N, C-alpha and C. Protein backbone atom coordinates (compact mmCIF):
# COMPACT_ATOMS: atom_id res chain seq x y z
N MET A 1 -39.03 34.70 63.86
CA MET A 1 -37.92 33.83 63.51
C MET A 1 -37.50 34.05 62.05
N PHE A 2 -38.52 34.19 61.17
CA PHE A 2 -38.19 34.35 59.74
C PHE A 2 -37.46 35.68 59.50
N ASN A 3 -37.85 36.74 60.24
CA ASN A 3 -37.15 38.02 60.11
C ASN A 3 -35.69 37.87 60.49
N GLY A 4 -35.43 37.15 61.58
CA GLY A 4 -34.06 36.94 62.03
C GLY A 4 -33.23 36.19 61.00
N ILE A 5 -33.82 35.19 60.39
CA ILE A 5 -33.13 34.41 59.36
C ILE A 5 -32.82 35.30 58.16
N THR A 6 -33.78 36.11 57.77
CA THR A 6 -33.58 37.03 56.65
C THR A 6 -32.47 38.02 56.96
N GLU A 7 -32.50 38.60 58.16
CA GLU A 7 -31.47 39.56 58.57
C GLU A 7 -30.08 38.91 58.57
N LEU A 8 -29.99 37.69 59.05
CA LEU A 8 -28.70 36.99 59.06
C LEU A 8 -28.21 36.74 57.63
N GLY A 9 -29.12 36.35 56.75
CA GLY A 9 -28.76 36.14 55.35
C GLY A 9 -28.24 37.41 54.70
N TRP A 10 -28.93 38.53 54.95
CA TRP A 10 -28.48 39.80 54.39
C TRP A 10 -27.16 40.23 55.01
N GLY A 11 -26.99 39.98 56.30
CA GLY A 11 -25.73 40.32 56.97
C GLY A 11 -24.56 39.56 56.36
N ILE A 12 -24.75 38.28 56.10
CA ILE A 12 -23.71 37.46 55.47
C ILE A 12 -23.37 38.02 54.10
N ARG A 13 -24.39 38.33 53.35
CA ARG A 13 -24.17 38.88 52.01
C ARG A 13 -23.40 40.21 52.08
N ARG A 14 -23.78 41.07 53.05
CA ARG A 14 -23.13 42.37 53.22
C ARG A 14 -21.66 42.21 53.58
N TYR A 15 -21.34 41.30 54.50
CA TYR A 15 -19.95 41.08 54.90
C TYR A 15 -19.13 40.51 53.74
N ARG A 16 -19.71 39.65 52.95
CA ARG A 16 -18.98 39.12 51.79
C ARG A 16 -18.67 40.21 50.78
N ARG A 17 -19.65 41.09 50.53
CA ARG A 17 -19.40 42.22 49.63
C ARG A 17 -18.34 43.15 50.19
N ALA A 18 -18.40 43.39 51.50
CA ALA A 18 -17.43 44.28 52.14
C ALA A 18 -16.02 43.72 52.05
N LYS A 19 -15.88 42.40 52.18
CA LYS A 19 -14.55 41.78 52.05
C LYS A 19 -13.99 42.01 50.65
N ILE A 20 -14.82 41.85 49.64
CA ILE A 20 -14.38 42.06 48.27
C ILE A 20 -13.98 43.52 48.07
N SER A 21 -14.78 44.43 48.59
CA SER A 21 -14.46 45.86 48.47
C SER A 21 -13.17 46.20 49.21
N LEU A 22 -12.96 45.58 50.35
CA LEU A 22 -11.74 45.81 51.12
C LEU A 22 -10.51 45.38 50.32
N ILE A 23 -10.59 44.23 49.70
CA ILE A 23 -9.47 43.74 48.86
C ILE A 23 -9.28 44.67 47.67
N ASN A 24 -10.38 45.04 47.01
CA ASN A 24 -10.28 45.94 45.85
C ASN A 24 -9.66 47.28 46.22
N SER A 25 -9.97 47.78 47.41
CA SER A 25 -9.41 49.07 47.83
C SER A 25 -7.91 49.01 48.05
N ALA A 26 -7.37 47.82 48.24
CA ALA A 26 -5.93 47.67 48.46
C ALA A 26 -5.18 47.32 47.18
N MET A 27 -5.86 47.25 46.05
CA MET A 27 -5.20 46.87 44.80
C MET A 27 -4.16 47.90 44.36
N LEU A 28 -4.46 49.19 44.48
CA LEU A 28 -3.50 50.21 44.07
C LEU A 28 -2.24 50.17 44.94
N PRO A 29 -2.38 50.18 46.28
CA PRO A 29 -1.16 50.07 47.10
C PRO A 29 -0.39 48.78 46.84
N ALA A 30 -1.11 47.70 46.56
CA ALA A 30 -0.44 46.42 46.27
C ALA A 30 0.37 46.52 44.99
N LEU A 31 -0.22 47.11 43.96
CA LEU A 31 0.48 47.26 42.69
C LEU A 31 1.70 48.17 42.85
N ILE A 32 1.55 49.23 43.60
CA ILE A 32 2.69 50.13 43.85
C ILE A 32 3.81 49.36 44.54
N LYS A 33 3.44 48.55 45.53
CA LYS A 33 4.46 47.77 46.25
C LYS A 33 5.17 46.80 45.32
N LEU A 34 4.43 46.15 44.43
CA LEU A 34 5.04 45.20 43.50
C LEU A 34 5.90 45.88 42.44
N LEU A 35 5.45 47.05 42.00
CA LEU A 35 6.19 47.74 40.94
C LEU A 35 7.46 48.44 41.43
N THR A 36 7.48 48.85 42.68
CA THR A 36 8.60 49.65 43.19
C THR A 36 9.96 49.01 42.91
N PRO A 37 10.17 47.73 43.22
CA PRO A 37 11.50 47.18 42.92
C PRO A 37 11.72 46.88 41.44
N LEU A 38 10.65 46.91 40.64
CA LEU A 38 10.78 46.56 39.22
C LEU A 38 11.08 47.75 38.32
N VAL A 39 10.73 48.92 38.77
CA VAL A 39 10.94 50.11 37.96
C VAL A 39 12.34 50.65 38.24
N ALA A 40 13.11 50.75 37.18
CA ALA A 40 14.50 51.23 37.31
C ALA A 40 14.52 52.75 37.34
N ILE A 41 15.51 53.26 38.03
CA ILE A 41 15.72 54.70 38.06
C ILE A 41 16.30 55.09 36.71
N PRO A 42 15.73 56.08 36.05
CA PRO A 42 16.28 56.51 34.75
C PRO A 42 17.75 56.89 34.90
N ALA A 43 18.60 56.40 34.01
CA ALA A 43 20.05 56.62 34.09
C ALA A 43 20.41 58.09 34.12
N GLU A 44 19.68 58.90 33.36
CA GLU A 44 20.01 60.33 33.32
C GLU A 44 19.69 61.05 34.63
N ARG A 45 18.88 60.37 35.49
CA ARG A 45 18.51 60.98 36.77
C ARG A 45 19.44 60.56 37.90
N VAL A 46 20.33 59.61 37.64
CA VAL A 46 21.20 59.10 38.71
C VAL A 46 22.42 60.00 38.86
N THR A 47 22.63 60.46 40.06
CA THR A 47 23.82 61.25 40.38
C THR A 47 24.89 60.28 40.85
N PRO A 48 26.10 60.39 40.30
CA PRO A 48 27.17 59.47 40.73
C PRO A 48 27.42 59.58 42.24
N ARG A 49 27.66 58.43 42.84
CA ARG A 49 27.92 58.36 44.27
C ARG A 49 29.29 58.99 44.57
N PRO A 50 29.35 59.88 45.52
CA PRO A 50 30.64 60.44 45.91
C PRO A 50 31.57 59.34 46.43
N LYS A 51 32.84 59.42 46.08
CA LYS A 51 33.80 58.39 46.50
C LYS A 51 33.83 58.28 48.01
N GLY A 52 33.80 57.04 48.45
CA GLY A 52 33.92 56.75 49.88
C GLY A 52 32.64 56.94 50.67
N ASP A 53 31.57 57.43 50.06
CA ASP A 53 30.31 57.65 50.79
C ASP A 53 29.41 56.42 50.62
N LEU A 54 29.43 55.54 51.61
CA LEU A 54 28.65 54.30 51.55
C LEU A 54 27.16 54.53 51.80
N PHE A 55 26.84 55.66 52.42
CA PHE A 55 25.46 55.92 52.80
C PHE A 55 24.76 56.92 51.88
N TYR A 56 25.33 57.16 50.71
CA TYR A 56 24.75 58.13 49.78
C TYR A 56 23.42 57.60 49.25
N PHE A 57 22.44 58.49 49.22
CA PHE A 57 21.11 58.14 48.69
C PHE A 57 20.68 59.27 47.76
N ASP A 58 20.45 58.94 46.53
CA ASP A 58 20.07 59.94 45.52
C ASP A 58 18.57 60.20 45.63
N VAL A 59 18.23 61.24 46.35
CA VAL A 59 16.83 61.57 46.62
C VAL A 59 16.08 61.91 45.33
N GLU A 60 16.68 62.66 44.46
CA GLU A 60 16.01 63.06 43.23
C GLU A 60 15.72 61.86 42.33
N ALA A 61 16.67 60.96 42.21
CA ALA A 61 16.46 59.78 41.38
C ALA A 61 15.37 58.89 41.98
N GLU A 62 15.39 58.75 43.30
CA GLU A 62 14.35 57.94 43.96
C GLU A 62 12.98 58.59 43.78
N HIS A 63 12.93 59.89 43.87
CA HIS A 63 11.66 60.59 43.66
C HIS A 63 11.16 60.36 42.22
N ALA A 64 12.05 60.40 41.26
CA ALA A 64 11.67 60.16 39.86
C ALA A 64 11.14 58.73 39.70
N ARG A 65 11.77 57.79 40.36
CA ARG A 65 11.34 56.39 40.28
C ARG A 65 9.95 56.23 40.91
N GLN A 66 9.75 56.81 42.09
CA GLN A 66 8.46 56.71 42.76
C GLN A 66 7.35 57.38 41.94
N THR A 67 7.68 58.47 41.31
CA THR A 67 6.71 59.14 40.44
C THR A 67 6.32 58.22 39.28
N GLU A 68 7.30 57.57 38.68
CA GLU A 68 7.04 56.62 37.59
C GLU A 68 6.20 55.44 38.07
N VAL A 69 6.53 54.91 39.23
CA VAL A 69 5.77 53.78 39.80
C VAL A 69 4.32 54.18 40.01
N HIS A 70 4.09 55.33 40.64
CA HIS A 70 2.72 55.77 40.92
C HIS A 70 1.95 56.04 39.63
N THR A 71 2.62 56.64 38.66
CA THR A 71 1.97 56.89 37.37
C THR A 71 1.56 55.58 36.70
N LEU A 72 2.49 54.62 36.66
CA LEU A 72 2.18 53.31 36.06
C LEU A 72 1.03 52.63 36.80
N ALA A 73 1.08 52.65 38.12
CA ALA A 73 0.06 51.97 38.92
C ALA A 73 -1.32 52.59 38.68
N HIS A 74 -1.40 53.90 38.67
CA HIS A 74 -2.68 54.56 38.42
C HIS A 74 -3.17 54.30 37.00
N GLN A 75 -2.27 54.36 36.04
CA GLN A 75 -2.65 54.14 34.65
C GLN A 75 -3.08 52.70 34.39
N TYR A 76 -2.56 51.77 35.16
CA TYR A 76 -2.91 50.35 35.01
C TYR A 76 -4.43 50.16 35.05
N PHE A 77 -5.08 50.93 35.89
CA PHE A 77 -6.52 50.76 36.09
C PHE A 77 -7.38 51.52 35.09
N VAL A 78 -6.78 52.39 34.28
CA VAL A 78 -7.59 53.21 33.37
C VAL A 78 -7.14 53.17 31.91
N ASN A 79 -5.94 52.70 31.65
CA ASN A 79 -5.39 52.75 30.30
C ASN A 79 -4.93 51.35 29.89
N GLU A 80 -5.49 50.86 28.79
CA GLU A 80 -5.19 49.49 28.35
C GLU A 80 -3.72 49.30 27.98
N ASP A 81 -3.11 50.30 27.36
CA ASP A 81 -1.68 50.19 27.01
C ASP A 81 -0.81 50.13 28.26
N ALA A 82 -1.13 50.96 29.24
CA ALA A 82 -0.38 50.95 30.49
C ALA A 82 -0.58 49.60 31.20
N ARG A 83 -1.78 49.09 31.12
CA ARG A 83 -2.08 47.78 31.74
C ARG A 83 -1.20 46.70 31.12
N LYS A 84 -1.14 46.69 29.79
CA LYS A 84 -0.30 45.70 29.10
C LYS A 84 1.16 45.86 29.48
N SER A 85 1.61 47.09 29.55
CA SER A 85 3.00 47.37 29.91
C SER A 85 3.32 46.86 31.32
N VAL A 86 2.41 47.12 32.25
CA VAL A 86 2.61 46.68 33.64
C VAL A 86 2.59 45.16 33.71
N LEU A 87 1.64 44.53 33.02
CA LEU A 87 1.56 43.07 33.04
C LEU A 87 2.81 42.44 32.42
N GLU A 88 3.34 43.08 31.40
CA GLU A 88 4.57 42.59 30.78
C GLU A 88 5.74 42.71 31.77
N MET A 89 5.81 43.84 32.47
CA MET A 89 6.85 44.05 33.46
C MET A 89 6.74 43.02 34.59
N LEU A 90 5.51 42.77 35.03
CA LEU A 90 5.30 41.77 36.08
C LEU A 90 5.66 40.38 35.56
N GLY A 91 5.26 40.09 34.31
CA GLY A 91 5.53 38.79 33.71
C GLY A 91 7.01 38.46 33.63
N LYS A 92 7.83 39.48 33.35
CA LYS A 92 9.29 39.27 33.30
C LYS A 92 9.84 38.83 34.66
N ASN A 93 9.07 39.11 35.71
CA ASN A 93 9.49 38.73 37.06
C ASN A 93 8.61 37.61 37.62
N LYS A 94 7.98 36.87 36.70
CA LYS A 94 7.14 35.72 37.04
C LYS A 94 5.98 36.09 37.98
N LEU A 95 5.39 37.24 37.73
CA LEU A 95 4.23 37.71 38.48
C LEU A 95 3.10 37.97 37.50
N ASP A 96 1.88 38.00 38.00
CA ASP A 96 0.73 38.28 37.15
C ASP A 96 -0.32 39.04 37.97
N GLU A 97 -1.52 39.14 37.40
CA GLU A 97 -2.60 39.86 38.09
C GLU A 97 -2.92 39.24 39.45
N TYR A 98 -2.77 37.93 39.56
CA TYR A 98 -3.07 37.27 40.82
C TYR A 98 -2.08 37.66 41.91
N ALA A 99 -0.87 38.03 41.50
CA ALA A 99 0.12 38.51 42.47
C ALA A 99 -0.33 39.84 43.07
N ILE A 100 -0.97 40.66 42.25
CA ILE A 100 -1.49 41.94 42.74
C ILE A 100 -2.59 41.68 43.76
N GLU A 101 -3.48 40.78 43.40
CA GLU A 101 -4.59 40.44 44.31
C GLU A 101 -4.07 39.83 45.61
N ALA A 102 -3.09 38.95 45.50
CA ALA A 102 -2.52 38.32 46.70
C ALA A 102 -1.86 39.36 47.59
N GLU A 103 -1.15 40.30 46.99
CA GLU A 103 -0.52 41.36 47.77
C GLU A 103 -1.57 42.25 48.43
N ALA A 104 -2.65 42.54 47.72
CA ALA A 104 -3.74 43.32 48.29
C ALA A 104 -4.34 42.60 49.49
N MET A 105 -4.51 41.29 49.37
CA MET A 105 -5.05 40.50 50.48
C MET A 105 -4.08 40.50 51.66
N ARG A 106 -2.80 40.45 51.37
CA ARG A 106 -1.81 40.48 52.45
C ARG A 106 -1.85 41.82 53.18
N ILE A 107 -2.02 42.90 52.41
CA ILE A 107 -2.08 44.23 53.01
C ILE A 107 -3.26 44.37 53.95
N VAL A 108 -4.41 43.82 53.56
CA VAL A 108 -5.62 43.98 54.38
C VAL A 108 -5.92 42.74 55.23
N ALA A 109 -4.95 41.86 55.37
CA ALA A 109 -5.17 40.61 56.11
C ALA A 109 -5.73 40.82 57.52
N PRO A 110 -5.22 41.78 58.30
CA PRO A 110 -5.79 41.95 59.65
C PRO A 110 -7.28 42.30 59.61
N GLU A 111 -7.67 43.15 58.67
CA GLU A 111 -9.09 43.51 58.55
C GLU A 111 -9.90 42.33 58.02
N LEU A 112 -9.33 41.58 57.08
CA LEU A 112 -10.03 40.40 56.55
C LEU A 112 -10.29 39.39 57.65
N GLU A 113 -9.33 39.25 58.55
CA GLU A 113 -9.50 38.32 59.67
C GLU A 113 -10.70 38.73 60.53
N LYS A 114 -10.83 40.01 60.78
CA LYS A 114 -11.99 40.50 61.57
C LYS A 114 -13.30 40.21 60.83
N PHE A 115 -13.30 40.49 59.53
CA PHE A 115 -14.50 40.23 58.73
C PHE A 115 -14.82 38.73 58.73
N ASP A 116 -13.79 37.89 58.63
CA ASP A 116 -14.01 36.44 58.62
C ASP A 116 -14.62 35.98 59.94
N ARG A 117 -14.17 36.55 61.05
CA ARG A 117 -14.76 36.19 62.35
C ARG A 117 -16.22 36.60 62.41
N LEU A 118 -16.51 37.82 61.97
CA LEU A 118 -17.90 38.29 61.96
C LEU A 118 -18.75 37.44 61.03
N LEU A 119 -18.22 37.11 59.88
CA LEU A 119 -18.92 36.29 58.91
C LEU A 119 -19.19 34.90 59.47
N ALA A 120 -18.20 34.32 60.12
CA ALA A 120 -18.37 32.99 60.73
C ALA A 120 -19.46 33.04 61.81
N SER A 121 -19.49 34.11 62.58
CA SER A 121 -20.51 34.26 63.61
C SER A 121 -21.90 34.34 62.99
N TYR A 122 -22.04 35.13 61.94
CA TYR A 122 -23.33 35.23 61.25
C TYR A 122 -23.74 33.87 60.68
N GLU A 123 -22.80 33.18 60.04
CA GLU A 123 -23.12 31.88 59.44
C GLU A 123 -23.50 30.86 60.50
N TRP A 124 -22.81 30.89 61.65
CA TRP A 124 -23.14 29.97 62.74
C TRP A 124 -24.54 30.26 63.26
N ARG A 125 -24.86 31.56 63.45
CA ARG A 125 -26.19 31.93 63.94
C ARG A 125 -27.27 31.55 62.94
N LEU A 126 -26.99 31.73 61.65
CA LEU A 126 -27.96 31.35 60.62
C LEU A 126 -28.19 29.85 60.64
N ASN A 127 -27.12 29.07 60.70
CA ASN A 127 -27.27 27.61 60.74
C ASN A 127 -28.04 27.17 61.97
N LYS A 128 -27.79 27.81 63.11
CA LYS A 128 -28.51 27.48 64.33
C LYS A 128 -30.00 27.80 64.18
N ALA A 129 -30.31 28.95 63.61
CA ALA A 129 -31.71 29.33 63.39
C ALA A 129 -32.39 28.37 62.43
N LEU A 130 -31.68 27.98 61.37
CA LEU A 130 -32.27 27.03 60.41
C LEU A 130 -32.49 25.66 61.03
N ARG A 131 -31.54 25.22 61.88
CA ARG A 131 -31.74 23.94 62.59
C ARG A 131 -32.94 24.02 63.51
N SER A 132 -33.08 25.14 64.23
CA SER A 132 -34.23 25.32 65.13
C SER A 132 -35.53 25.30 64.35
N LEU A 133 -35.53 25.96 63.21
CA LEU A 133 -36.72 25.96 62.37
C LEU A 133 -37.04 24.55 61.88
N ALA A 134 -36.02 23.81 61.49
CA ALA A 134 -36.23 22.44 61.02
C ALA A 134 -36.79 21.57 62.15
N GLU A 135 -36.25 21.75 63.37
CA GLU A 135 -36.76 20.98 64.51
C GLU A 135 -38.21 21.35 64.81
N LEU A 136 -38.49 22.65 64.80
CA LEU A 136 -39.85 23.12 65.06
C LEU A 136 -40.79 22.58 64.00
N ARG A 137 -40.38 22.71 62.76
CA ARG A 137 -41.21 22.23 61.66
C ARG A 137 -41.37 20.72 61.74
N GLY A 138 -40.27 20.04 62.05
CA GLY A 138 -40.34 18.58 62.17
C GLY A 138 -41.26 18.16 63.31
N GLY A 139 -41.19 18.86 64.44
CA GLY A 139 -42.06 18.57 65.58
C GLY A 139 -43.52 18.82 65.24
N PHE A 140 -43.78 19.91 64.55
CA PHE A 140 -45.14 20.22 64.13
C PHE A 140 -45.63 19.17 63.15
N GLY A 141 -44.75 18.78 62.24
CA GLY A 141 -45.11 17.75 61.26
C GLY A 141 -45.44 16.42 61.95
N ARG A 142 -44.63 16.04 62.94
CA ARG A 142 -44.90 14.79 63.67
C ARG A 142 -46.22 14.87 64.42
N HIS A 143 -46.50 16.02 65.06
CA HIS A 143 -47.74 16.21 65.79
C HIS A 143 -48.94 16.14 64.83
N LEU A 144 -48.81 16.80 63.68
CA LEU A 144 -49.88 16.78 62.69
C LEU A 144 -50.09 15.37 62.15
N ARG A 145 -49.01 14.64 61.90
CA ARG A 145 -49.10 13.27 61.40
C ARG A 145 -49.82 12.39 62.41
N ALA A 146 -49.47 12.56 63.69
CA ALA A 146 -50.11 11.75 64.74
C ALA A 146 -51.61 12.06 64.80
N SER A 147 -51.97 13.33 64.69
CA SER A 147 -53.39 13.71 64.73
C SER A 147 -54.14 13.13 63.54
N VAL A 148 -53.55 13.22 62.37
CA VAL A 148 -54.17 12.68 61.16
C VAL A 148 -54.31 11.16 61.28
N ASP A 149 -53.26 10.51 61.80
CA ASP A 149 -53.32 9.06 61.98
C ASP A 149 -54.45 8.67 62.94
N ARG A 150 -54.64 9.46 64.01
CA ARG A 150 -55.73 9.15 64.95
C ARG A 150 -57.09 9.28 64.28
N VAL A 151 -57.24 10.31 63.43
CA VAL A 151 -58.50 10.51 62.72
C VAL A 151 -58.71 9.36 61.75
N ILE A 152 -57.65 9.00 61.03
CA ILE A 152 -57.76 7.93 60.04
C ILE A 152 -58.09 6.61 60.74
N ASP A 153 -57.46 6.35 61.87
CA ASP A 153 -57.68 5.10 62.60
C ASP A 153 -58.97 5.13 63.42
N GLY A 154 -59.65 6.26 63.47
CA GLY A 154 -60.89 6.35 64.23
C GLY A 154 -60.64 6.42 65.72
N LYS A 155 -59.49 6.83 66.14
CA LYS A 155 -59.17 6.89 67.57
C LYS A 155 -59.24 8.32 68.09
N ILE A 156 -60.21 9.05 67.59
CA ILE A 156 -60.32 10.42 68.07
C ILE A 156 -61.14 10.43 69.33
N LEU A 157 -60.87 11.36 70.17
CA LEU A 157 -61.61 11.49 71.42
C LEU A 157 -62.94 12.17 71.13
N ALA A 158 -63.95 11.70 71.81
CA ALA A 158 -65.25 12.32 71.63
C ALA A 158 -65.21 13.68 72.30
N VAL A 159 -65.70 14.65 71.59
CA VAL A 159 -65.76 16.00 72.13
C VAL A 159 -67.21 16.25 72.51
N GLU A 160 -67.38 16.66 73.73
CA GLU A 160 -68.73 16.89 74.23
C GLU A 160 -69.32 18.09 73.53
N ASP A 161 -70.53 17.91 72.98
CA ASP A 161 -71.19 19.00 72.29
C ASP A 161 -72.18 19.62 73.26
N LYS A 162 -71.89 20.77 73.76
CA LYS A 162 -72.71 21.43 74.76
C LYS A 162 -74.00 21.96 74.17
N SER A 163 -74.08 22.11 72.88
CA SER A 163 -75.29 22.66 72.27
C SER A 163 -76.45 21.65 72.35
N LYS A 164 -76.19 20.36 72.49
CA LYS A 164 -77.25 19.35 72.53
C LYS A 164 -77.80 19.18 73.93
N LYS A 165 -77.11 19.65 74.94
CA LYS A 165 -77.61 19.54 76.31
C LYS A 165 -78.76 20.51 76.50
N SER A 166 -79.66 20.09 77.32
CA SER A 166 -80.79 21.00 77.59
C SER A 166 -80.35 22.02 78.62
N SER A 167 -80.94 23.16 78.52
CA SER A 167 -80.58 24.23 79.41
C SER A 167 -81.37 24.21 80.70
N THR A 168 -82.37 23.30 80.78
CA THR A 168 -83.17 23.20 82.01
C THR A 168 -82.55 22.19 82.94
N PRO A 169 -82.44 22.56 84.19
CA PRO A 169 -81.85 21.61 85.15
C PRO A 169 -82.81 20.48 85.45
N SER A 170 -82.30 19.29 85.67
CA SER A 170 -83.14 18.16 86.00
C SER A 170 -83.51 18.22 87.47
N ALA A 171 -84.75 17.78 87.74
CA ALA A 171 -85.24 17.84 89.11
C ALA A 171 -85.20 16.55 89.79
């Protein structure tokens, strides 16, 4: 029983760590998603839209913007100046580091839900095992208390001592 309880405890700890790692692994994609609408296309990279073309899309300018977004996002995690710059950019749009974390959680929400179900199952099984142990321990404690009370009250049953009987049969 104690091994099972230990295994359940370690399982819970493992799932909690895995959830944190799952969220952390989504931080870069989350930051990229948040930065994409905030980073402007450099003016010198924008090609004027041809007259009358409503569906024109400047591929080169968009590529330049995506390159800038990815560079900023990667640098956020390794360069303090880039981090400050990104936080300032987010701040101008009423966002902060918690917005990055929230977006990361949103990205991995389906996986987090699975982990939460597994975690709840482990926690339920652990609580059930602990309740069983408490009942077992409580039952043993009550039995021991009753035995001690009988000894204290002098209500113990006489136990026949076979060593005092003679080994010769009576005639």
